[in-house]
Every structure is written in structure tokens, then in C-alpha cells.
Amino acid sequence: MNAANEIIHQTMRLKIMSALNALRAGTKLEFQELKALLEATDGNLGTHLATLEGAGYIAIEKDFVGKKPRTRVAITRAGRRAFEQHVEYLREVIAGAGGASGASTAS
């Protein structure tokens, strides 16, 4: 069985990685779009993005549009691989739970 990826496993980071993994390779998502999609606060999202960036799972690009700052986020190859491995781990857990002996069902 694959091991859980403790960085990705946290709920908000799993949501971030899911959203970014759904995009074509190289596609960037603006911070405000990601924030709205995940219903996160600036601080909460920023903290989790920093953790994922530190692990090499995402790349953060900061620039300006006119005088307005813009932050865009993209999943890296390493991030996509780590996410896929974590999803496989979750599938194994679910498959194992379905075949667990002694499991009872409520009537």
C-alpha cells in the first residue's frame, strides 16, 4: 500500500492540489480565483500555498498588472506525481475499507 502524503493530506491542501491538478499542465490559476473556488481566506490560503511551494508541489508567480499585484499558482510535475500517488493511497484505503472483515451495516 502507498503511504499517505502528509503534506497533501490536510483538507485545504488536498483541495488546492485537486483544483490545480484538474488544469492542463502549465496552466496558472490566479490567487483570487483559487480563493473563491475554495472559499478560503487570504491568510489561510496563503499559508497552505507556502507549505505546498516549500515542498516543490506548486510554483507561485507574482507580478503586476498595471499597478495592481497579481499572484498566480500552478502545479509542478513533482506536485502532480505526489498528488497522483496520494490519490492512489486514498483509493487503496477505500478499497480496503469495503472489504474489511467484521464490518457491520446498519439496518
Protein backbone atom coordinates (compact mmCIF):
# COMPACT_ATOMS: atom_id res chain seq x y z
CA MET A 1 0.00 0.00 0.00
CA ASN A 2 1.18 3.51 -0.80
CA ALA A 3 1.78 5.82 2.14
CA ALA A 4 -0.28 8.94 2.81
CA ASN A 5 1.37 12.19 1.78
CA GLU A 6 1.03 14.20 4.99
CA ILE A 7 1.59 17.50 3.18
CA ILE A 8 -1.21 16.91 0.67
CA HIS A 9 -3.50 15.01 3.08
CA GLN A 10 -4.53 18.14 5.01
CA THR A 11 -8.02 19.13 3.80
CA MET A 12 -7.32 22.59 2.36
CA ARG A 13 -4.08 21.47 0.69
CA LEU A 14 -5.89 18.47 -0.81
CA LYS A 15 -8.50 20.87 -2.25
CA ILE A 16 -5.78 23.16 -3.62
CA MET A 17 -3.95 20.27 -5.26
CA SER A 18 -7.21 18.87 -6.67
CA ALA A 19 -8.08 22.20 -8.26
CA LEU A 20 -4.61 22.68 -9.75
CA ASN A 21 -4.34 19.06 -10.91
CA ALA A 22 -7.56 19.49 -12.90
CA LEU A 23 -5.86 22.15 -15.05
CA ARG A 24 -3.76 21.46 -18.13
CA ALA A 25 -0.02 21.30 -17.46
CA GLY A 26 1.46 24.78 -17.27
CA THR A 27 -1.89 26.50 -16.65
CA LYS A 28 -1.87 29.02 -13.82
CA LEU A 29 -4.77 29.92 -11.56
CA GLU A 30 -4.99 33.38 -10.04
CA PHE A 31 -4.95 33.59 -6.25
CA GLN A 32 -8.35 35.32 -6.11
CA GLU A 33 -9.94 32.65 -8.32
CA LEU A 34 -8.50 29.87 -6.17
CA LYS A 35 -9.60 31.67 -3.01
CA ALA A 36 -13.19 31.96 -4.30
CA LEU A 37 -13.25 28.37 -5.55
CA LEU A 38 -12.12 27.01 -2.19
CA GLU A 39 -14.00 29.57 -0.07
CA ALA A 40 -10.77 30.31 1.79
CA THR A 41 -9.46 33.44 3.47
CA ASP A 42 -6.37 35.25 2.19
CA GLY A 43 -4.30 34.22 5.19
CA ASN A 44 -5.41 30.60 5.26
CA LEU A 45 -4.85 30.11 1.54
CA GLY A 46 -1.51 31.91 1.64
CA THR A 47 -0.25 29.70 4.46
CA HIS A 48 -1.18 26.48 2.68
CA LEU A 49 0.26 27.69 -0.63
CA ALA A 50 3.55 28.45 1.13
CA THR A 51 3.65 24.89 2.51
CA LEU A 52 2.96 23.38 -0.91
CA GLU A 53 5.54 25.65 -2.55
CA GLY A 54 8.13 24.68 0.06
CA ALA A 55 7.54 21.02 -0.81
CA GLY A 56 8.04 21.78 -4.52
CA TYR A 57 4.46 20.82 -5.38
CA ILE A 58 3.39 24.21 -6.73
CA ALA A 59 5.02 27.23 -8.31
CA ILE A 60 3.89 30.72 -7.33
CA GLU A 61 4.39 33.61 -9.74
CA LYS A 62 3.98 37.20 -8.59
CA ASP A 63 3.85 40.15 -10.95
CA PHE A 64 1.93 43.34 -11.57
CA VAL A 65 -0.89 44.17 -13.95
CA GLY A 66 -0.52 47.91 -14.17
CA LYS A 67 -0.02 48.89 -10.54
CA LYS A 68 -2.03 46.00 -9.16
CA PRO A 69 -0.19 42.94 -7.78
CA ARG A 70 -1.14 39.56 -9.19
CA THR A 71 -0.35 36.12 -7.79
CA ARG A 72 -0.76 33.01 -9.92
CA VAL A 73 -0.31 29.40 -8.92
CA ALA A 74 0.47 26.27 -10.96
CA ILE A 75 1.09 22.64 -10.04
CA THR A 76 4.59 21.33 -10.77
CA ARG A 77 5.48 17.94 -12.25
CA ALA A 78 6.58 16.80 -8.81
CA GLY A 79 3.30 18.07 -7.39
CA ARG A 80 1.26 16.24 -10.00
CA ARG A 81 3.17 12.99 -9.26
CA ALA A 82 2.76 13.42 -5.50
CA PHE A 83 -0.95 14.16 -5.90
CA GLU A 84 -1.47 11.09 -8.11
CA GLN A 85 0.35 8.89 -5.57
CA HIS A 86 -1.77 10.29 -2.74
CA VAL A 87 -4.98 9.68 -4.72
CA GLU A 88 -3.83 6.08 -5.27
CA TYR A 89 -3.27 5.78 -1.50
CA LEU A 90 -6.82 7.03 -0.89
CA ARG A 91 -8.21 4.53 -3.42
CA GLU A 92 -6.40 1.72 -1.61
CA VAL A 93 -7.82 2.85 1.72
CA ILE A 94 -11.35 2.96 0.29
CA ALA A 95 -10.96 -0.43 -1.40
CA GLY A 96 -9.63 -1.91 1.83
CA ALA A 97 -12.47 -0.44 3.87
CA GLY A 98 -15.01 -2.03 1.53
CA GLY A 99 -13.54 -5.47 2.12
CA ALA A 100 -12.86 -5.13 5.83
CA SER A 101 -13.85 -8.21 7.79
CA GLY A 102 -16.16 -7.76 10.71
CA ALA A 103 -17.69 -4.61 9.27
CA SER A 104 -21.33 -4.29 10.11
CA THR A 105 -24.03 -2.45 8.29
CA ALA A 106 -26.84 -0.58 9.99
CA SER A 107 -30.33 -1.85 9.31
